[in-house]
């Protein structure tokens, strides 16, 4: 997935907005960040639960890994988006969005 496709996907979630976040672009719902995009590195950082983080990282540790330090321990996970299948990124992004979205919005995207 390229940067533009990732951006479009992030903004396809209901009430998602785009804002600058230091040297990255952040995607938010209800003023909470669910993803950031590093255009120069073609990578994204997504907010996941500890369990979901471990599942995704186990799938491909070279291309999916916890963020460094405390951020990684809080579930922030780095994805090399150009190196992964779109379906995997879509699944992870849906989980990330649902982790911060208000319940009325997350219920629309939850697979449970």
PDB file of N, CA and C in Angstrom:
ATOM      1  N   UNK A   1       0.862  -1.173   0.000  1.00  0.00           N
ATOM      2  CA  UNK A   1       0.000   0.000   0.000  1.00  0.00           C
ATOM      3  C   UNK A   1       0.908   1.235   0.000  1.00  0.00           C
ATOM      4  N   UNK A   2       0.554   2.198  -0.820  1.00  0.00           N
ATOM      5  CA  UNK A   2       1.354   3.418  -0.840  1.00  0.00           C
ATOM      6  C   UNK A   2       0.773   4.444   0.143  1.00  0.00           C
ATOM      7  N   UNK A   3       1.490   5.547   0.308  1.00  0.00           N
ATOM      8  CA  UNK A   3       1.089   6.573   1.273  1.00  0.00           C
ATOM      9  C   UNK A   3      -0.291   7.152   0.979  1.00  0.00           C
ATOM     10  N   UNK A   4      -0.577   7.426  -0.284  1.00  0.00           N
ATOM     11  CA  UNK A   4      -1.860   8.012  -0.639  1.00  0.00           C
ATOM     12  C   UNK A   4      -3.012   7.058  -0.330  1.00  0.00           C
ATOM     13  N   UNK A   5      -2.837   5.787  -0.662  1.00  0.00           N
ATOM     14  CA  UNK A   5      -3.886   4.796  -0.378  1.00  0.00           C
ATOM     15  C   UNK A   5      -4.111   4.673   1.131  1.00  0.00           C
ATOM     16  N   UNK A   6      -3.033   4.724   1.912  1.00  0.00           N
ATOM     17  CA  UNK A   6      -3.170   4.656   3.368  1.00  0.00           C
ATOM     18  C   UNK A   6      -3.936   5.868   3.885  1.00  0.00           C
ATOM     19  N   UNK A   7      -3.603   7.029   3.381  1.00  0.00           N
ATOM     20  CA  UNK A   7      -4.285   8.261   3.793  1.00  0.00           C
ATOM     21  C   UNK A   7      -5.778   8.187   3.467  1.00  0.00           C
ATOM     22  N   UNK A   8      -6.107   7.767   2.269  1.00  0.00           N
ATOM     23  CA  UNK A   8      -7.506   7.642   1.858  1.00  0.00           C
ATOM     24  C   UNK A   8      -8.234   6.642   2.751  1.00  0.00           C
ATOM     25  N   UNK A   9      -7.586   5.541   3.047  1.00  0.00           N
ATOM     26  CA  UNK A   9      -8.179   4.528   3.922  1.00  0.00           C
ATOM     27  C   UNK A   9      -8.456   5.095   5.313  1.00  0.00           C
ATOM     28  N   UNK A  10      -7.494   5.788   5.882  1.00  0.00           N
ATOM     29  CA  UNK A  10      -7.684   6.389   7.207  1.00  0.00           C
ATOM     30  C   UNK A  10      -8.869   7.342   7.221  1.00  0.00           C
ATOM     31  N   UNK A  11      -8.972   8.147   6.192  1.00  0.00           N
ATOM     32  CA  UNK A  11     -10.038   9.153   6.137  1.00  0.00           C
ATOM     33  C   UNK A  11     -11.393   8.556   5.752  1.00  0.00           C
ATOM     34  N   UNK A  12     -11.409   7.279   5.382  1.00  0.00           N
ATOM     35  CA  UNK A  12     -12.683   6.630   5.051  1.00  0.00           C
ATOM     36  C   UNK A  12     -13.473   6.263   6.302  1.00  0.00           C
ATOM     37  N   UNK A  13     -12.810   6.248   7.460  1.00  0.00           N
ATOM     38  CA  UNK A  13     -13.512   5.956   8.705  1.00  0.00           C
ATOM     39  C   UNK A  13     -14.351   7.164   9.114  1.00  0.00           C
ATOM     40  N   UNK A  14     -15.531   6.895   9.621  1.00  0.00           N
ATOM     41  CA  UNK A  14     -16.457   7.960   9.990  1.00  0.00           C
ATOM     42  C   UNK A  14     -15.838   8.906  11.017  1.00  0.00           C
ATOM     43  N   UNK A  15     -15.944  10.197  10.747  1.00  0.00           N
ATOM     44  CA  UNK A  15     -15.459  11.286  11.592  1.00  0.00           C
ATOM     45  C   UNK A  15     -13.934  11.340  11.729  1.00  0.00           C
ATOM     46  N   UNK A  16     -13.216  10.621  10.887  1.00  0.00           N
ATOM     47  CA  UNK A  16     -11.751  10.678  10.918  1.00  0.00           C
ATOM     48  C   UNK A  16     -11.277  11.999  10.328  1.00  0.00           C
ATOM     49  N   UNK A  17     -10.241  12.561  10.949  1.00  0.00           N
ATOM     50  CA  UNK A  17      -9.647  13.803  10.475  1.00  0.00           C
ATOM     51  C   UNK A  17      -8.144  13.626  10.323  1.00  0.00           C
ATOM     52  N   UNK A  18      -7.552  14.508   9.566  1.00  0.00           N
ATOM     53  CA  UNK A  18      -6.110  14.496   9.326  1.00  0.00           C
ATOM     54  C   UNK A  18      -5.518  15.771   9.906  1.00  0.00           C
ATOM     55  N   UNK A  19      -4.402  15.632  10.640  1.00  0.00           N
ATOM     56  CA  UNK A  19      -3.715  16.788  11.208  1.00  0.00           C
ATOM     57  C   UNK A  19      -2.216  16.529  11.227  1.00  0.00           C
ATOM     58  N   UNK A  20      -1.425  17.588  11.132  1.00  0.00           N
ATOM     59  CA  UNK A  20       0.016  17.405  11.275  1.00  0.00           C
ATOM     60  C   UNK A  20       0.344  16.934  12.698  1.00  0.00           C
ATOM     61  N   UNK A  21       1.379  16.135  12.801  1.00  0.00           N
ATOM     62  CA  UNK A  21       1.846  15.657  14.110  1.00  0.00           C
ATOM     63  C   UNK A  21       3.366  15.546  14.042  1.00  0.00           C
ATOM     64  N   UNK A  22       4.043  16.605  14.473  1.00  0.00           N
ATOM     65  CA  UNK A  22       5.491  16.708  14.338  1.00  0.00           C
ATOM     66  C   UNK A  22       5.860  16.511  12.873  1.00  0.00           C
ATOM     67  N   UNK A  23       6.762  15.572  12.545  1.00  0.00           N
ATOM     68  CA  UNK A  23       7.171  15.378  11.153  1.00  0.00           C
ATOM     69  C   UNK A  23       6.260  14.383  10.432  1.00  0.00           C
ATOM     70  N   UNK A  24       5.176  13.975  11.063  1.00  0.00           N
ATOM     71  CA  UNK A  24       4.261  12.984  10.496  1.00  0.00           C
ATOM     72  C   UNK A  24       2.877  13.591  10.284  1.00  0.00           C
ATOM     73  N   UNK A  25       2.023  12.793   9.694  1.00  0.00           N
ATOM     74  CA  UNK A  25       0.613  13.136   9.556  1.00  0.00           C
ATOM     75  C   UNK A  25      -0.152  12.223  10.499  1.00  0.00           C
ATOM     76  N   UNK A  26      -1.054  12.803  11.290  1.00  0.00           N
ATOM     77  CA  UNK A  26      -1.853  11.974  12.198  1.00  0.00           C
ATOM     78  C   UNK A  26      -3.280  11.884  11.694  1.00  0.00           C
ATOM     79  N   UNK A  27      -3.915  10.788  12.057  1.00  0.00           N
ATOM     80  CA  UNK A  27      -5.319  10.566  11.754  1.00  0.00           C
ATOM     81  C   UNK A  27      -6.018  10.354  13.078  1.00  0.00           C
ATOM     82  N   UNK A  28      -7.106  11.100  13.276  1.00  0.00           N
ATOM     83  CA  UNK A  28      -7.752  11.144  14.578  1.00  0.00           C
ATOM     84  C   UNK A  28      -9.257  10.936  14.459  1.00  0.00           C
ATOM     85  N   UNK A  29      -9.807  10.473  15.551  1.00  0.00           N
ATOM     86  CA  UNK A  29     -11.251  10.434  15.716  1.00  0.00           C
ATOM     87  C   UNK A  29     -11.513  10.887  17.140  1.00  0.00           C
ATOM     88  N   UNK A  30     -12.456  11.790  17.297  1.00  0.00           N
ATOM     89  CA  UNK A  30     -12.775  12.325  18.623  1.00  0.00           C
ATOM     90  C   UNK A  30     -11.525  12.917  19.291  1.00  0.00           C
ATOM     91  N   UNK A  31     -10.692  13.571  18.484  1.00  0.00           N
ATOM     92  CA  UNK A  31      -9.443  14.219  18.920  1.00  0.00           C
ATOM     93  C   UNK A  31      -8.366  13.250  19.397  1.00  0.00           C
ATOM     94  N   UNK A  32      -8.566  11.950  19.211  1.00  0.00           N
ATOM     95  CA  UNK A  32      -7.579  10.945  19.626  1.00  0.00           C
ATOM     96  C   UNK A  32      -6.923  10.336  18.390  1.00  0.00           C
ATOM     97  N   UNK A  33      -5.613  10.187  18.441  1.00  0.00           N
ATOM     98  CA  UNK A  33      -4.865   9.628  17.316  1.00  0.00           C
ATOM     99  C   UNK A  33      -5.049   8.110  17.267  1.00  0.00           C
ATOM    100  N   UNK A  34      -5.394   7.616  16.078  1.00  0.00           N
ATOM    101  CA  UNK A  34      -5.438   6.161  15.883  1.00  0.00           C
ATOM    102  C   UNK A  34      -4.352   5.695  14.921  1.00  0.00           C
ATOM    103  N   UNK A  35      -3.750   6.623  14.179  1.00  0.00           N
ATOM    104  CA  UNK A  35      -2.669   6.260  13.260  1.00  0.00           C
ATOM    105  C   UNK A  35      -1.843   7.491  12.914  1.00  0.00           C
ATOM    106  N   UNK A  36      -0.576   7.253  12.633  1.00  0.00           N
ATOM    107  CA  UNK A  36       0.278   8.296  12.066  1.00  0.00           C
ATOM    108  C   UNK A  36       0.942   7.724  10.818  1.00  0.00           C
ATOM    109  N   UNK A  37       1.289   8.611   9.907  1.00  0.00           N
ATOM    110  CA  UNK A  37       1.924   8.221   8.656  1.00  0.00           C
ATOM    111  C   UNK A  37       3.231   8.974   8.514  1.00  0.00           C
ATOM    112  N   UNK A  38       4.308   8.232   8.312  1.00  0.00           N
ATOM    113  CA  UNK A  38       5.609   8.814   8.033  1.00  0.00           C
ATOM    114  C   UNK A  38       5.824   8.672   6.526  1.00  0.00           C
ATOM    115  N   UNK A  39       5.574   9.739   5.800  1.00  0.00           N
ATOM    116  CA  UNK A  39       5.623   9.703   4.336  1.00  0.00           C
ATOM    117  C   UNK A  39       7.018   9.356   3.837  1.00  0.00           C
ATOM    118  N   UNK A  40       8.049   9.908   4.454  1.00  0.00           N
ATOM    119  CA  UNK A  40       9.426   9.665   4.000  1.00  0.00           C
ATOM    120  C   UNK A  40       9.807   8.191   4.122  1.00  0.00           C
ATOM    121  N   UNK A  41       9.347   7.517   5.163  1.00  0.00           N
ATOM    122  CA  UNK A  41       9.703   6.109   5.389  1.00  0.00           C
ATOM    123  C   UNK A  41       8.648   5.140   4.884  1.00  0.00           C
ATOM    124  N   UNK A  42       7.528   5.673   4.354  1.00  0.00           N
ATOM    125  CA  UNK A  42       6.414   4.845   3.895  1.00  0.00           C
ATOM    126  C   UNK A  42       6.021   3.833   4.980  1.00  0.00           C
ATOM    127  N   UNK A  43       5.885   4.368   6.202  1.00  0.00           N
ATOM    128  CA  UNK A  43       5.495   3.526   7.326  1.00  0.00           C
ATOM    129  C   UNK A  43       4.395   4.212   8.127  1.00  0.00           C
ATOM    130  N   UNK A  44       3.675   3.405   8.872  1.00  0.00           N
ATOM    131  CA  UNK A  44       2.588   3.918   9.698  1.00  0.00           C
ATOM    132  C   UNK A  44       2.733   3.371  11.101  1.00  0.00           C
ATOM    133  N   UNK A  45       2.234   4.118  12.063  1.00  0.00           N
ATOM    134  CA  UNK A  45       2.195   3.673  13.449  1.00  0.00           C
ATOM    135  C   UNK A  45       0.735   3.630  13.855  1.00  0.00           C
ATOM    136  N   UNK A  46       0.308   2.467  14.362  1.00  0.00           N
ATOM    137  CA  UNK A  46      -1.089   2.261  14.726  1.00  0.00           C
ATOM    138  C   UNK A  46      -1.204   1.923  16.200  1.00  0.00           C
ATOM    139  N   UNK A  47      -2.299   2.336  16.817  1.00  0.00           N
ATOM    140  CA  UNK A  47      -2.583   2.058  18.226  1.00  0.00           C
ATOM    141  C   UNK A  47      -3.347   0.743  18.311  1.00  0.00           C
ATOM    142  N   UNK A  48      -2.737  -0.263  18.951  1.00  0.00           N
ATOM    143  CA  UNK A  48      -3.361  -1.570  19.098  1.00  0.00           C
ATOM    144  C   UNK A  48      -3.380  -1.992  20.565  1.00  0.00           C
ATOM    145  N   UNK A  49      -4.235  -2.937  20.881  1.00  0.00           N
ATOM    146  CA  UNK A  49      -4.198  -3.541  22.216  1.00  0.00           C
ATOM    147  C   UNK A  49      -2.931  -4.389  22.299  1.00  0.00           C
ATOM    148  N   UNK A  50      -2.529  -4.747  23.497  1.00  0.00           N
ATOM    149  CA  UNK A  50      -1.324  -5.569  23.680  1.00  0.00           C
ATOM    150  C   UNK A  50      -1.465  -6.910  22.953  1.00  0.00           C
ATOM    151  N   UNK A  51      -2.642  -7.496  23.022  1.00  0.00           N
ATOM    152  CA  UNK A  51      -2.866  -8.791  22.360  1.00  0.00           C
ATOM    153  C   UNK A  51      -2.782  -8.639  20.839  1.00  0.00           C
ATOM    154  N   UNK A  52      -3.461  -7.637  20.303  1.00  0.00           N
ATOM    155  CA  UNK A  52      -3.412  -7.436  18.851  1.00  0.00           C
ATOM    156  C   UNK A  52      -2.009  -7.082  18.383  1.00  0.00           C
ATOM    157  N   UNK A  53      -1.293  -6.311  19.182  1.00  0.00           N
ATOM    158  CA  UNK A  53       0.080  -5.974  18.827  1.00  0.00           C
ATOM    159  C   UNK A  53       0.921  -7.243  18.721  1.00  0.00           C
ATOM    160  N   UNK A  54       0.800  -8.136  19.687  1.00  0.00           N
ATOM    161  CA  UNK A  54       1.601  -9.357  19.672  1.00  0.00           C
ATOM    162  C   UNK A  54       1.236 -10.249  18.486  1.00  0.00           C
ATOM    163  N   UNK A  55      -0.035 -10.306  18.127  1.00  0.00           N
ATOM    164  CA  UNK A  55      -0.467 -11.121  16.987  1.00  0.00           C
ATOM    165  C   UNK A  55       0.113 -10.574  15.688  1.00  0.00           C
ATOM    166  N   UNK A  56      -0.015  -9.275  15.461  1.00  0.00           N
ATOM    167  CA  UNK A  56       0.508  -8.692  14.224  1.00  0.00           C
ATOM    168  C   UNK A  56       2.032  -8.785  14.165  1.00  0.00           C
ATOM    169  N   UNK A  57       2.698  -8.523  15.275  1.00  0.00           N
ATOM    170  CA  UNK A  57       4.168  -8.587  15.289  1.00  0.00           C
ATOM    171  C   UNK A  57       4.662 -10.003  15.037  1.00  0.00           C
ATOM    172  N   UNK A  58       3.944 -10.997  15.532  1.00  0.00           N
ATOM    173  CA  UNK A  58       4.339 -12.390  15.324  1.00  0.00           C
ATOM    174  C   UNK A  58       4.213 -12.788  13.857  1.00  0.00           C
ATOM    175  N   UNK A  59       3.295 -12.163  13.151  1.00  0.00           N
ATOM    176  CA  UNK A  59       3.091 -12.502  11.748  1.00  0.00           C
ATOM    177  C   UNK A  59       4.314 -12.183  10.906  1.00  0.00           C
ATOM    178  N   UNK A  60       4.892 -11.002  11.101  1.00  0.00           N
ATOM    179  CA  UNK A  60       6.069 -10.607  10.323  1.00  0.00           C
ATOM    180  C   UNK A  60       6.904  -9.609  11.125  1.00  0.00           C
ATOM    181  N   UNK A  61       7.724 -10.113  12.047  1.00  0.00           N
ATOM    182  CA  UNK A  61       8.491  -9.228  12.939  1.00  0.00           C
ATOM    183  C   UNK A  61       9.435  -8.262  12.231  1.00  0.00           C
ATOM    184  N   UNK A  62       9.815  -8.553  11.010  1.00  0.00           N
ATOM    185  CA  UNK A  62      10.690  -7.652  10.267  1.00  0.00           C
ATOM    186  C   UNK A  62       9.968  -6.438   9.712  1.00  0.00           C
ATOM    187  N   UNK A  63       8.661  -6.568   9.522  1.00  0.00           N
ATOM    188  CA  UNK A  63       7.885  -5.494   8.907  1.00  0.00           C
ATOM    189  C   UNK A  63       6.844  -4.893   9.843  1.00  0.00           C
ATOM    190  N   UNK A  64       6.600  -5.554  10.969  1.00  0.00           N
ATOM    191  CA  UNK A  64       5.659  -5.074  11.978  1.00  0.00           C
ATOM    192  C   UNK A  64       6.338  -5.234  13.324  1.00  0.00           C
ATOM    193  N   UNK A  65       6.458  -4.139  14.070  1.00  0.00           N
ATOM    194  CA  UNK A  65       7.150  -4.220  15.359  1.00  0.00           C
ATOM    195  C   UNK A  65       6.632  -3.139  16.306  1.00  0.00           C
ATOM    196  N   UNK A  66       6.741  -3.387  17.612  1.00  0.00           N
ATOM    197  CA  UNK A  66       6.329  -2.357  18.570  1.00  0.00           C
ATOM    198  C   UNK A  66       7.185  -1.103  18.407  1.00  0.00           C
ATOM    199  N   UNK A  67       6.580   0.047  18.618  1.00  0.00           N
ATOM    200  CA  UNK A  67       7.352   1.289  18.649  1.00  0.00           C
ATOM    201  C   UNK A  67       8.349   1.197  19.800  1.00  0.00           C
ATOM    202  N   UNK A  68       9.384   1.994  19.753  1.00  0.00           N
ATOM    203  CA  UNK A  68      10.407   1.939  20.790  1.00  0.00           C
ATOM    204  C   UNK A  68       9.898   2.517  22.108  1.00  0.00           C
ATOM    205  N   UNK A  69      10.465   2.010  23.188  1.00  0.00           N
ATOM    206  CA  UNK A  69      10.202   2.545  24.521  1.00  0.00           C
ATOM    207  C   UNK A  69       8.772   2.388  24.993  1.00  0.00           C
ATOM    208  N   UNK A  70       8.350   3.362  25.766  1.00  0.00           N
ATOM    209  CA  UNK A  70       7.023   3.326  26.394  1.00  0.00           C
ATOM    210  C   UNK A  70       5.903   3.326  25.362  1.00  0.00           C
ATOM    211  N   UNK A  71       6.129   3.944  24.207  1.00  0.00           N
ATOM    212  CA  UNK A  71       5.083   3.973  23.181  1.00  0.00           C
ATOM    213  C   UNK A  71       4.722   2.554  22.750  1.00  0.00           C
ATOM    214  N   UNK A  72       5.709   1.734  22.543  1.00  0.00           N
ATOM    215  CA  UNK A  72       5.453   0.345  22.157  1.00  0.00           C
ATOM    216  C   UNK A  72       4.731  -0.426  23.239  1.00  0.00           C
ATOM    217  N   UNK A  73       5.060  -0.155  24.487  1.00  0.00           N
ATOM    218  CA  UNK A  73       4.389  -0.831  25.601  1.00  0.00           C
ATOM    219  C   UNK A  73       2.934  -0.398  25.728  1.00  0.00           C
ATOM    220  N   UNK A  74       2.595   0.754  25.162  1.00  0.00           N
ATOM    221  CA  UNK A  74       1.213   1.237  25.167  1.00  0.00           C
ATOM    222  C   UNK A  74       0.433   0.752  23.945  1.00  0.00           C
ATOM    223  N   UNK A  75       1.054  -0.064  23.115  1.00  0.00           N
ATOM    224  CA  UNK A  75       0.367  -0.644  21.965  1.00  0.00           C
ATOM    225  C   UNK A  75       0.679  -0.015  20.627  1.00  0.00           C
ATOM    226  N   UNK A  76       1.468   1.058  20.607  1.00  0.00           N
ATOM    227  CA  UNK A  76       1.798   1.692  19.332  1.00  0.00           C
ATOM    228  C   UNK A  76       2.718   0.765  18.547  1.00  0.00           C
ATOM    229  N   UNK A  77       2.331   0.495  17.306  1.00  0.00           N
ATOM    230  CA  UNK A  77       2.982  -0.534  16.504  1.00  0.00           C
ATOM    231  C   UNK A  77       3.334   0.024  15.131  1.00  0.00           C
ATOM    232  N   UNK A  78       4.578  -0.209  14.703  1.00  0.00           N
ATOM    233  CA  UNK A  78       5.067   0.271  13.409  1.00  0.00           C
ATOM    234  C   UNK A  78       4.790  -0.750  12.312  1.00  0.00           C
ATOM    235  N   UNK A  79       4.245  -0.278  11.205  1.00  0.00           N
ATOM    236  CA  UNK A  79       3.949  -1.109  10.047  1.00  0.00           C
ATOM    237  C   UNK A  79       4.675  -0.541   8.835  1.00  0.00           C
ATOM    238  N   UNK A  80       5.429  -1.382   8.142  1.00  0.00           N
ATOM    239  CA  UNK A  80       6.050  -0.999   6.875  1.00  0.00           C
ATOM    240  C   UNK A  80       4.991  -1.204   5.801  1.00  0.00           C
ATOM    241  N   UNK A  81       4.184  -0.181   5.542  1.00  0.00           N
ATOM    242  CA  UNK A  81       2.968  -0.358   4.750  1.00  0.00           C
ATOM    243  C   UNK A  81       3.224  -0.759   3.298  1.00  0.00           C
ATOM    244  N   UNK A  82       4.356  -0.399   2.755  1.00  0.00           N
ATOM    245  CA  UNK A  82       4.624  -0.775   1.362  1.00  0.00           C
ATOM    246  C   UNK A  82       5.028  -2.240   1.230  1.00  0.00           C
ATOM    247  N   UNK A  83       5.325  -2.888   2.351  1.00  0.00           N
ATOM    248  CA  UNK A  83       5.814  -4.263   2.335  1.00  0.00           C
ATOM    249  C   UNK A  83       4.763  -5.285   2.767  1.00  0.00           C
ATOM    250  N   UNK A  84       3.557  -4.837   3.082  1.00  0.00           N
ATOM    251  CA  UNK A  84       2.524  -5.724   3.630  1.00  0.00           C
ATOM    252  C   UNK A  84       1.300  -5.762   2.729  1.00  0.00           C
ATOM    253  N   UNK A  85       0.548  -6.837   2.838  1.00  0.00           N
ATOM    254  CA  UNK A  85      -0.694  -6.963   2.065  1.00  0.00           C
ATOM    255  C   UNK A  85      -1.716  -5.947   2.563  1.00  0.00           C
ATOM    256  N   UNK A  86      -2.462  -5.408   1.634  1.00  0.00           N
ATOM    257  CA  UNK A  86      -3.472  -4.406   1.965  1.00  0.00           C
ATOM    258  C   UNK A  86      -4.462  -4.914   3.007  1.00  0.00           C
ATOM    259  N   UNK A  87      -4.864  -6.179   2.893  1.00  0.00           N
ATOM    260  CA  UNK A  87      -5.852  -6.736   3.814  1.00  0.00           C
ATOM    261  C   UNK A  87      -5.356  -6.674   5.258  1.00  0.00           C
ATOM    262  N   UNK A  88      -4.071  -6.932   5.460  1.00  0.00           N
ATOM    263  CA  UNK A  88      -3.506  -6.887   6.810  1.00  0.00           C
ATOM    264  C   UNK A  88      -3.535  -5.458   7.355  1.00  0.00           C
ATOM    265  N   UNK A  89      -3.183  -4.516   6.525  1.00  0.00           N
ATOM    266  CA  UNK A  89      -3.191  -3.113   6.954  1.00  0.00           C
ATOM    267  C   UNK A  89      -4.619  -2.664   7.259  1.00  0.00           C
ATOM    268  N   UNK A  90      -5.555  -3.067   6.431  1.00  0.00           N
ATOM    269  CA  UNK A  90      -6.957  -2.708   6.658  1.00  0.00           C
ATOM    270  C   UNK A  90      -7.444  -3.281   7.991  1.00  0.00           C
ATOM    271  N   UNK A  91      -7.125  -4.537   8.263  1.00  0.00           N
ATOM    272  CA  UNK A  91      -7.530  -5.164   9.536  1.00  0.00           C
ATOM    273  C   UNK A  91      -6.921  -4.431  10.727  1.00  0.00           C
ATOM    274  N   UNK A  92      -5.630  -4.151  10.656  1.00  0.00           N
ATOM    275  CA  UNK A  92      -4.949  -3.475  11.760  1.00  0.00           C
ATOM    276  C   UNK A  92      -5.491  -2.061  11.945  1.00  0.00           C
ATOM    277  N   UNK A  93      -5.736  -1.375  10.844  1.00  0.00           N
ATOM    278  CA  UNK A  93      -6.248  -0.008  10.931  1.00  0.00           C
ATOM    279  C   UNK A  93      -7.661   0.023  11.509  1.00  0.00           C
ATOM    280  N   UNK A  94      -8.476  -0.943  11.178  1.00  0.00           N
ATOM    281  CA  UNK A  94      -9.822  -1.029  11.755  1.00  0.00           C
ATOM    282  C   UNK A  94      -9.750  -1.224  13.264  1.00  0.00           C
ATOM    283  N   UNK A  95      -8.868  -2.096  13.708  1.00  0.00           N
ATOM    284  CA  UNK A  95      -8.684  -2.315  15.149  1.00  0.00           C
ATOM    285  C   UNK A  95      -8.183  -1.056  15.834  1.00  0.00           C
ATOM    286  N   UNK A  96      -7.269  -0.362  15.176  1.00  0.00           N
ATOM    287  CA  UNK A  96      -6.715   0.860  15.740  1.00  0.00           C
ATOM    288  C   UNK A  96      -7.796   1.930  15.881  1.00  0.00           C
ATOM    289  N   UNK A  97      -8.562   2.115  14.828  1.00  0.00           N
ATOM    290  CA  UNK A  97      -9.657   3.089  14.864  1.00  0.00           C
ATOM    291  C   UNK A  97     -10.633   2.748  15.993  1.00  0.00           C
ATOM    292  N   UNK A  98     -11.026   1.494  16.066  1.00  0.00           N
ATOM    293  CA  UNK A  98     -11.995   1.067  17.089  1.00  0.00           C
ATOM    294  C   UNK A  98     -11.449   1.213  18.507  1.00  0.00           C
ATOM    295  N   UNK A  99     -10.136   1.194  18.650  1.00  0.00           N
ATOM    296  CA  UNK A  99      -9.551   1.303  19.993  1.00  0.00           C
ATOM    297  C   UNK A  99      -9.680   2.699  20.580  1.00  0.00           C
ATOM    298  N   UNK A 100      -9.886   3.711  19.743  1.00  0.00           N
ATOM    299  CA  UNK A 100      -9.989   5.089  20.246  1.00  0.00           C
ATOM    300  C   UNK A 100     -11.318   5.763  19.913  1.00  0.00           C
ATOM    301  N   UNK A 101     -12.075   5.204  18.983  1.00  0.00           N
ATOM    302  CA  UNK A 101     -13.341   5.824  18.562  1.00  0.00           C
ATOM    303  C   UNK A 101     -14.405   5.657  19.649  1.00  0.00           C
ATOM    304  N   UNK A 102     -15.334   6.593  19.705  1.00  0.00           N
ATOM    305  CA  UNK A 102     -16.480   6.415  20.603  1.00  0.00           C
ATOM    306  C   UNK A 102     -17.219   5.119  20.241  1.00  0.00           C
ATOM    307  N   UNK A 103     -17.868   4.527  21.202  1.00  0.00           N
ATOM    308  CA  UNK A 103     -18.514   3.231  21.006  1.00  0.00           C
ATOM    309  C   UNK A 103     -19.489   3.232  19.831  1.00  0.00           C
ATOM    310  N   UNK A 104     -20.255   4.304  19.673  1.00  0.00           N
ATOM    311  CA  UNK A 104     -21.244   4.353  18.583  1.00  0.00           C
ATOM    312  C   UNK A 104     -20.578   4.259  17.204  1.00  0.00           C
ATOM    313  N   UNK A 105     -19.341   4.742  17.107  1.00  0.00           N
ATOM    314  CA  UNK A 105     -18.609   4.645  15.843  1.00  0.00           C
ATOM    315  C   UNK A 105     -17.881   3.312  15.731  1.00  0.00           C
ATOM    316  N   UNK A 106     -17.242   2.874  16.793  1.00  0.00           N
ATOM    317  CA  UNK A 106     -16.458   1.638  16.723  1.00  0.00           C
ATOM    318  C   UNK A 106     -17.339   0.427  16.435  1.00  0.00           C
ATOM    319  N   UNK A 107     -18.586   0.458  16.880  1.00  0.00           N
ATOM    320  CA  UNK A 107     -19.497  -0.660  16.618  1.00  0.00           C
ATOM    321  C   UNK A 107     -19.740  -0.859  15.119  1.00  0.00           C
ATOM    322  N   UNK A 108     -19.611   0.198  14.353  1.00  0.00           N
ATOM    323  CA  UNK A 108     -19.833   0.106  12.902  1.00  0.00           C
ATOM    324  C   UNK A 108     -18.698  -0.639  12.195  1.00  0.00           C
ATOM    325  N   UNK A 109     -17.524  -0.672  12.806  1.00  0.00           N
ATOM    326  CA  UNK A 109     -16.347  -1.261  12.171  1.00  0.00           C
ATOM    327  C   UNK A 109     -15.845  -2.521  12.879  1.00  0.00           C
ATOM    328  N   UNK A 110     -16.377  -2.794  14.047  1.00  0.00           N
ATOM    329  CA  UNK A 110     -15.930  -3.958  14.817  1.00  0.00           C
ATOM    330  C   UNK A 110     -16.358  -5.244  14.142  1.00  0.00           C
ATOM    331  N   UNK A 111     -15.469  -6.221  14.158  1.00  0.00           N
ATOM    332  CA  UNK A 111     -15.776  -7.518  13.534  1.00  0.00           C
ATOM    333  C   UNK A 111     -16.302  -8.522  14.558  1.00  0.00           C
ATOM    334  N   UNK A 112     -16.406  -8.125  15.797  1.00  0.00           N
ATOM    335  CA  UNK A 112     -16.895  -9.037  16.849  1.00  0.00           C
ATOM    336  C   UNK A 112     -18.395  -9.126  16.855  1.00  0.00           C
TER     337      UNK A 112
END
